[in-house]
Amino acid sequence: MSKLNPDTNTSLRLNETVSKRQNVVACFFSVVFVAAALLLVSTGNSGCKIYSFRDVSIPDSIKTVKINFIENKAPYVNPQLSPRLTDRLRQKIVSQTKLAQTNNDNADWDIRGHISNYSFSTSGITSTQTGGRDVATNRLTVTVHIVLNDQKANKTQEYDVSRNFEFSGNQSIQQAEASLGDEIIRGLTDDIFNRIFSNW
């Protein structure tokens, strides 16, 4: 009967040790995965009063929402802002929550609001070589006042959402509005959405 030489014997023992370690690591991660899955399932079935959907929390009694047209009451009116902001907010709420949009006055939630501020200011100034001053950066500030009427709980909450948008001092107001349009709508919509759904 042939005997294994010492080098072969050592190699076999080393392979067995490595294999055992790999099995232990695999078992550990399997246990962690199963525990995490059980935790998620138990949390989801706990019957709590709030459900979560894509990082959004809403009381489970709320099923319908009416999103009214966001009026523009700012001294300076950008005619495209109200319709675009209203449309984008409606799309975001419908696509990222389980709420059904309705035009009925008896909706569980009634959301309305208006643009209260739309103003321009200078945010940065640089000096020229001749000692004069040139405007380097301008700022557009937009504020939206939102009213959330929870008709189920007979409770009203109000929020002011404001954002600043910087643009070059070389641009006219019309050029700035054209270049910043998508950013303004996206930023304000995200801020309004997060403010409404972060309080539950």
C-alpha atoms as a PDB file:
ATOM      1  CA  MET A   1       0.000   0.000   0.000  1.00  0.00           C
ATOM      2  CA  SER A   2       1.470   3.306  -1.083  1.00  0.00           C
ATOM      3  CA  LYS A   3       1.909   6.126   1.430  1.00  0.00           C
ATOM      4  CA  LEU A   4       1.301   9.781   0.679  1.00  0.00           C
ATOM      5  CA  ASN A   5       4.440  11.853   0.899  1.00  0.00           C
ATOM      6  CA  PRO A   6       4.463  14.617   3.557  1.00  0.00           C
ATOM      7  CA  ASP A   7       3.987  17.430   1.009  1.00  0.00           C
ATOM      8  CA  THR A   8       0.848  15.814  -0.421  1.00  0.00           C
ATOM      9  CA  ASN A   9      -0.498  15.135   3.068  1.00  0.00           C
ATOM     10  CA  THR A  10       0.033  18.783   4.098  1.00  0.00           C
ATOM     11  CA  SER A  11      -1.601  20.005   0.916  1.00  0.00           C
ATOM     12  CA  LEU A  12      -4.696  17.865   1.532  1.00  0.00           C
ATOM     13  CA  ARG A  13      -5.020  19.123   5.097  1.00  0.00           C
ATOM     14  CA  LEU A  14      -4.670  22.735   3.900  1.00  0.00           C
ATOM     15  CA  ASN A  15      -7.387  22.213   1.248  1.00  0.00           C
ATOM     16  CA  GLU A  16      -9.713  20.719   3.874  1.00  0.00           C
ATOM     17  CA  THR A  17      -9.119  23.695   6.189  1.00  0.00           C
ATOM     18  CA  VAL A  18      -9.829  26.215   3.418  1.00  0.00           C
ATOM     19  CA  SER A  19     -12.964  24.302   2.405  1.00  0.00           C
ATOM     20  CA  LYS A  20     -14.236  24.292   6.003  1.00  0.00           C
ATOM     21  CA  ARG A  21     -13.645  28.022   6.334  1.00  0.00           C
ATOM     22  CA  GLN A  22     -15.521  28.696   3.099  1.00  0.00           C
ATOM     23  CA  ASN A  23     -18.439  26.593   4.353  1.00  0.00           C
ATOM     24  CA  VAL A  24     -18.502  28.501   7.664  1.00  0.00           C
ATOM     25  CA  VAL A  25     -18.504  31.871   5.848  1.00  0.00           C
ATOM     26  CA  ALA A  26     -21.254  30.697   3.474  1.00  0.00           C
ATOM     27  CA  CYS A  27     -23.363  29.479   6.404  1.00  0.00           C
ATOM     28  CA  PHE A  28     -22.871  32.759   8.256  1.00  0.00           C
ATOM     29  CA  PHE A  29     -24.076  34.852   5.314  1.00  0.00           C
ATOM     30  CA  SER A  30     -27.019  32.487   4.757  1.00  0.00           C
ATOM     31  CA  VAL A  31     -28.108  32.919   8.367  1.00  0.00           C
ATOM     32  CA  VAL A  32     -27.774  36.716   8.138  1.00  0.00           C
ATOM     33  CA  PHE A  33     -29.798  36.791   4.899  1.00  0.00           C
ATOM     34  CA  VAL A  34     -32.583  34.629   6.350  1.00  0.00           C
ATOM     35  CA  ALA A  35     -32.713  36.744   9.532  1.00  0.00           C
ATOM     36  CA  ALA A  36     -32.958  39.957   7.507  1.00  0.00           C
ATOM     37  CA  ALA A  37     -35.711  38.494   5.326  1.00  0.00           C
ATOM     38  CA  LEU A  38     -37.705  37.365   8.368  1.00  0.00           C
ATOM     39  CA  LEU A  39     -37.334  40.812   9.936  1.00  0.00           C
ATOM     40  CA  LEU A  40     -38.678  42.500   6.792  1.00  0.00           C
ATOM     41  CA  VAL A  41     -41.624  40.107   6.579  1.00  0.00           C
ATOM     42  CA  SER A  42     -42.514  40.507  10.246  1.00  0.00           C
ATOM     43  CA  THR A  43     -42.297  44.307   9.959  1.00  0.00           C
ATOM     44  CA  GLY A  44     -44.484  44.300   6.865  1.00  0.00           C
ATOM     45  CA  ASN A  45     -47.151  42.162   8.544  1.00  0.00           C
ATOM     46  CA  SER A  46     -47.168  43.862  11.918  1.00  0.00           C
ATOM     47  CA  GLY A  47     -50.487  45.624  11.236  1.00  0.00           C
ATOM     48  CA  CYS A  48     -49.160  49.079  12.081  1.00  0.00           C
ATOM     49  CA  LYS A  49     -51.086  52.193  11.103  1.00  0.00           C
ATOM     50  CA  ILE A  50     -48.563  53.427   8.547  1.00  0.00           C
ATOM     51  CA  TYR A  51     -47.452  51.759   5.339  1.00  0.00           C
ATOM     52  CA  SER A  52     -44.232  52.494   3.473  1.00  0.00           C
ATOM     53  CA  PHE A  53     -43.799  52.499  -0.288  1.00  0.00           C
ATOM     54  CA  ARG A  54     -40.578  53.636  -1.944  1.00  0.00           C
ATOM     55  CA  ASP A  55     -39.427  55.523   1.169  1.00  0.00           C
ATOM     56  CA  VAL A  56     -42.851  57.144   1.536  1.00  0.00           C
ATOM     57  CA  SER A  57     -44.891  56.771   4.715  1.00  0.00           C
ATOM     58  CA  ILE A  58     -48.640  57.398   4.726  1.00  0.00           C
ATOM     59  CA  PRO A  59     -51.316  56.487   7.288  1.00  0.00           C
ATOM     60  CA  ASP A  60     -53.073  53.353   6.006  1.00  0.00           C
ATOM     61  CA  SER A  61     -56.472  55.057   6.333  1.00  0.00           C
ATOM     62  CA  ILE A  62     -55.518  57.441   3.508  1.00  0.00           C
ATOM     63  CA  LYS A  63     -56.483  56.059   0.102  1.00  0.00           C
ATOM     64  CA  THR A  64     -57.349  59.038  -2.124  1.00  0.00           C
ATOM     65  CA  VAL A  65     -55.829  62.437  -2.808  1.00  0.00           C
ATOM     66  CA  LYS A  66     -56.998  65.553  -4.615  1.00  0.00           C
ATOM     67  CA  ILE A  67     -54.156  67.737  -5.915  1.00  0.00           C
ATOM     68  CA  ASN A  68     -55.484  71.164  -6.748  1.00  0.00           C
ATOM     69  CA  PHE A  69     -53.947  73.569  -9.246  1.00  0.00           C
ATOM     70  CA  ILE A  70     -51.026  75.460  -7.689  1.00  0.00           C
ATOM     71  CA  GLU A  71     -51.790  79.128  -8.312  1.00  0.00           C
ATOM     72  CA  ASN A  72     -49.180  81.807  -8.921  1.00  0.00           C
ATOM     73  CA  LYS A  73     -49.627  84.706  -6.483  1.00  0.00           C
ATOM     74  CA  ALA A  74     -46.056  86.011  -6.665  1.00  0.00           C
ATOM     75  CA  PRO A  75     -45.526  89.675  -7.661  1.00  0.00           C
ATOM     76  CA  TYR A  76     -43.559  88.481 -10.694  1.00  0.00           C
ATOM     77  CA  VAL A  77     -45.386  85.726 -12.581  1.00  0.00           C
ATOM     78  CA  ASN A  78     -43.663  83.075 -14.664  1.00  0.00           C
ATOM     79  CA  PRO A  79     -46.670  81.834 -16.693  1.00  0.00           C
ATOM     80  CA  GLN A  80     -45.224  78.340 -17.211  1.00  0.00           C
ATOM     81  CA  LEU A  81     -44.438  77.624 -13.579  1.00  0.00           C
ATOM     82  CA  SER A  82     -47.905  76.904 -12.132  1.00  0.00           C
ATOM     83  CA  PRO A  83     -49.132  74.395 -14.739  1.00  0.00           C
ATOM     84  CA  ARG A  84     -45.798  72.584 -14.953  1.00  0.00           C
ATOM     85  CA  LEU A  85     -45.358  72.365 -11.173  1.00  0.00           C
ATOM     86  CA  THR A  86     -48.931  71.140 -10.657  1.00  0.00           C
ATOM     87  CA  ASP A  87     -48.564  68.481 -13.350  1.00  0.00           C
ATOM     88  CA  ARG A  88     -45.187  67.268 -12.073  1.00  0.00           C
ATOM     89  CA  LEU A  89     -46.437  67.035  -8.471  1.00  0.00           C
ATOM     90  CA  ARG A  90     -49.485  65.026  -9.561  1.00  0.00           C
ATOM     91  CA  GLN A  91     -47.294  62.635 -11.549  1.00  0.00           C
ATOM     92  CA  LYS A  92     -44.856  62.144  -8.669  1.00  0.00           C
ATOM     93  CA  ILE A  93     -47.549  61.458  -6.060  1.00  0.00           C
ATOM     94  CA  VAL A  94     -49.368  58.982  -8.320  1.00  0.00           C
ATOM     95  CA  SER A  95     -46.197  57.163  -9.392  1.00  0.00           C
ATOM     96  CA  GLN A  96     -44.474  57.008  -5.992  1.00  0.00           C
ATOM     97  CA  THR A  97     -47.372  56.348  -3.614  1.00  0.00           C
ATOM     98  CA  LYS A  98     -50.389  54.043  -3.493  1.00  0.00           C
ATOM     99  CA  LEU A  99     -52.774  56.982  -3.328  1.00  0.00           C
ATOM    100  CA  ALA A 100     -55.475  57.195  -5.988  1.00  0.00           C
ATOM    101  CA  GLN A 101     -55.863  60.648  -7.491  1.00  0.00           C
ATOM    102  CA  THR A 102     -59.389  62.030  -7.615  1.00  0.00           C
ATOM    103  CA  ASN A 103     -61.159  65.298  -8.392  1.00  0.00           C
ATOM    104  CA  ASN A 104     -63.821  64.674  -5.750  1.00  0.00           C
ATOM    105  CA  ASP A 105     -64.115  67.089  -2.851  1.00  0.00           C
ATOM    106  CA  ASN A 106     -64.354  64.169  -0.392  1.00  0.00           C
ATOM    107  CA  ALA A 107     -60.804  62.919  -1.028  1.00  0.00           C
ATOM    108  CA  ASP A 108     -58.978  61.691   2.079  1.00  0.00           C
ATOM    109  CA  TRP A 109     -56.263  64.280   1.465  1.00  0.00           C
ATOM    110  CA  ASP A 110     -56.791  67.625  -0.233  1.00  0.00           C
ATOM    111  CA  ILE A 111     -53.551  69.300  -1.344  1.00  0.00           C
ATOM    112  CA  ARG A 112     -53.540  72.903  -2.516  1.00  0.00           C
ATOM    113  CA  GLY A 113     -51.009  75.686  -2.678  1.00  0.00           C
ATOM    114  CA  HIS A 114     -49.698  78.797  -4.368  1.00  0.00           C
ATOM    115  CA  ILE A 115     -46.406  80.309  -5.455  1.00  0.00           C
ATOM    116  CA  SER A 116     -45.863  83.103  -2.951  1.00  0.00           C
ATOM    117  CA  ASN A 117     -42.441  84.361  -4.024  1.00  0.00           C
ATOM    118  CA  TYR A 118     -40.549  84.488  -7.311  1.00  0.00           C
ATOM    119  CA  SER A 119     -37.756  87.024  -7.016  1.00  0.00           C
ATOM    120  CA  PHE A 120     -34.299  87.817  -8.335  1.00  0.00           C
ATOM    121  CA  SER A 121     -31.286  89.089  -6.421  1.00  0.00           C
ATOM    122  CA  THR A 122     -27.520  89.417  -6.748  1.00  0.00           C
ATOM    123  CA  SER A 123     -25.657  86.617  -4.984  1.00  0.00           C
ATOM    124  CA  GLY A 124     -22.049  87.279  -5.959  1.00  0.00           C
ATOM    125  CA  ILE A 125     -20.008  90.289  -7.119  1.00  0.00           C
ATOM    126  CA  THR A 126     -16.481  90.387  -8.485  1.00  0.00           C
ATOM    127  CA  SER A 127     -14.182  93.372  -8.900  1.00  0.00           C
ATOM    128  CA  THR A 128     -12.814  94.279 -12.305  1.00  0.00           C
ATOM    129  CA  GLN A 129      -9.196  95.205 -13.018  1.00  0.00           C
ATOM    130  CA  THR A 130     -10.218  98.844 -13.358  1.00  0.00           C
ATOM    131  CA  GLY A 131     -11.651  98.912  -9.849  1.00  0.00           C
ATOM    132  CA  GLY A 132     -15.278  98.698 -10.912  1.00  0.00           C
ATOM    133  CA  ARG A 133     -17.759  96.028  -9.902  1.00  0.00           C
ATOM    134  CA  ASP A 134     -19.373  93.459 -12.174  1.00  0.00           C
ATOM    135  CA  VAL A 135     -22.239  91.176 -11.231  1.00  0.00           C
ATOM    136  CA  ALA A 136     -20.907  87.620 -11.346  1.00  0.00           C
ATOM    137  CA  THR A 137     -23.863  85.589 -10.149  1.00  0.00           C
ATOM    138  CA  ASN A 138     -27.585  86.173  -9.748  1.00  0.00           C
ATOM    139  CA  ARG A 139     -30.092  84.184  -7.740  1.00  0.00           C
ATOM    140  CA  LEU A 140     -33.692  83.255  -8.373  1.00  0.00           C
ATOM    141  CA  THR A 141     -35.671  82.429  -5.222  1.00  0.00           C
ATOM    142  CA  VAL A 142     -38.957  80.551  -5.536  1.00  0.00           C
ATOM    143  CA  THR A 143     -41.257  79.870  -2.570  1.00  0.00           C
ATOM    144  CA  VAL A 144     -44.383  77.700  -2.625  1.00  0.00           C
ATOM    145  CA  HIS A 145     -46.959  77.663   0.162  1.00  0.00           C
ATOM    146  CA  ILE A 146     -48.605  74.222   0.496  1.00  0.00           C
ATOM    147  CA  VAL A 147     -51.741  73.355   2.463  1.00  0.00           C
ATOM    148  CA  LEU A 148     -52.482  69.699   3.258  1.00  0.00           C
ATOM    149  CA  ASN A 149     -56.015  69.104   4.488  1.00  0.00           C
ATOM    150  CA  ASP A 150     -56.379  65.627   6.041  1.00  0.00           C
ATOM    151  CA  GLN A 151     -60.159  65.261   5.812  1.00  0.00           C
ATOM    152  CA  LYS A 152     -60.099  61.885   7.589  1.00  0.00           C
ATOM    153  CA  ALA A 153     -58.446  63.321  10.680  1.00  0.00           C
ATOM    154  CA  ASN A 154     -59.986  66.790  10.249  1.00  0.00           C
ATOM    155  CA  LYS A 155     -56.499  68.286  10.458  1.00  0.00           C
ATOM    156  CA  THR A 156     -54.721  70.872   8.293  1.00  0.00           C
ATOM    157  CA  GLN A 157     -50.971  71.330   7.927  1.00  0.00           C
ATOM    158  CA  GLU A 158     -49.238  74.166   6.077  1.00  0.00           C
ATOM    159  CA  TYR A 159     -45.699  74.305   4.711  1.00  0.00           C
ATOM    160  CA  ASP A 160     -43.486  76.848   2.971  1.00  0.00           C
ATOM    161  CA  VAL A 161     -41.016  75.293   0.562  1.00  0.00           C
ATOM    162  CA  SER A 162     -38.305  77.561  -0.826  1.00  0.00           C
ATOM    163  CA  ARG A 163     -35.397  77.025  -3.203  1.00  0.00           C
ATOM    164  CA  ASN A 164     -32.620  79.193  -4.624  1.00  0.00           C
ATOM    165  CA  PHE A 165     -31.340  78.821  -8.179  1.00  0.00           C
ATOM    166  CA  GLU A 166     -28.068  80.462  -9.217  1.00  0.00           C
ATOM    167  CA  PHE A 167     -27.392  81.762 -12.720  1.00  0.00           C
ATOM    168  CA  SER A 168     -24.782  83.866 -14.487  1.00  0.00           C
ATOM    169  CA  GLY A 169     -24.992  87.617 -14.220  1.00  0.00           C
ATOM    170  CA  ASN A 170     -24.547  87.729 -17.992  1.00  0.00           C
ATOM    171  CA  GLN A 171     -27.930  86.099 -18.523  1.00  0.00           C
ATOM    172  CA  SER A 172     -31.181  88.002 -18.805  1.00  0.00           C
ATOM    173  CA  ILE A 173     -34.148  86.961 -16.660  1.00  0.00           C
ATOM    174  CA  GLN A 174     -35.774  85.319 -19.672  1.00  0.00           C
ATOM    175  CA  GLN A 175     -32.588  83.376 -20.493  1.00  0.00           C
ATOM    176  CA  ALA A 176     -32.250  82.262 -16.871  1.00  0.00           C
ATOM    177  CA  GLU A 177     -35.869  81.076 -16.748  1.00  0.00           C
ATOM    178  CA  ALA A 178     -35.383  79.093 -19.955  1.00  0.00           C
ATOM    179  CA  SER A 179     -32.162  77.421 -18.797  1.00  0.00           C
ATOM    180  CA  LEU A 180     -33.341  76.763 -15.223  1.00  0.00           C
ATOM    181  CA  GLY A 181     -36.906  75.685 -16.059  1.00  0.00           C
ATOM    182  CA  ASP A 182     -36.483  71.915 -15.642  1.00  0.00           C
ATOM    183  CA  GLU A 183     -34.294  72.289 -12.540  1.00  0.00           C
ATOM    184  CA  ILE A 184     -36.835  74.601 -10.890  1.00  0.00           C
ATOM    185  CA  ILE A 185     -39.737  72.201 -11.498  1.00  0.00           C
ATOM    186  CA  ARG A 186     -37.796  69.104 -10.433  1.00  0.00           C
ATOM    187  CA  GLY A 187     -36.326  70.718  -7.298  1.00  0.00           C
ATOM    188  CA  LEU A 188     -39.563  72.262  -6.064  1.00  0.00           C
ATOM    189  CA  THR A 189     -41.553  69.093  -6.758  1.00  0.00           C
ATOM    190  CA  ASP A 190     -39.080  66.960  -4.814  1.00  0.00           C
ATOM    191  CA  ASP A 191     -39.063  69.394  -1.883  1.00  0.00           C
ATOM    192  CA  ILE A 192     -42.871  69.620  -1.743  1.00  0.00           C
ATOM    193  CA  PHE A 193     -43.233  65.834  -1.998  1.00  0.00           C
ATOM    194  CA  ASN A 194     -40.655  65.180   0.723  1.00  0.00           C
ATOM    195  CA  ARG A 195     -42.205  67.760   3.026  1.00  0.00           C
ATOM    196  CA  ILE A 196     -45.716  66.362   2.646  1.00  0.00           C
ATOM    197  CA  PHE A 197     -44.740  62.722   3.129  1.00  0.00           C
ATOM    198  CA  SER A 198     -41.987  63.068   5.727  1.00  0.00           C
ATOM    199  CA  ASN A 199     -44.312  63.864   8.634  1.00  0.00           C
ATOM    200  CA  TRP A 200     -45.925  60.435   8.950  1.00  0.00           C
END
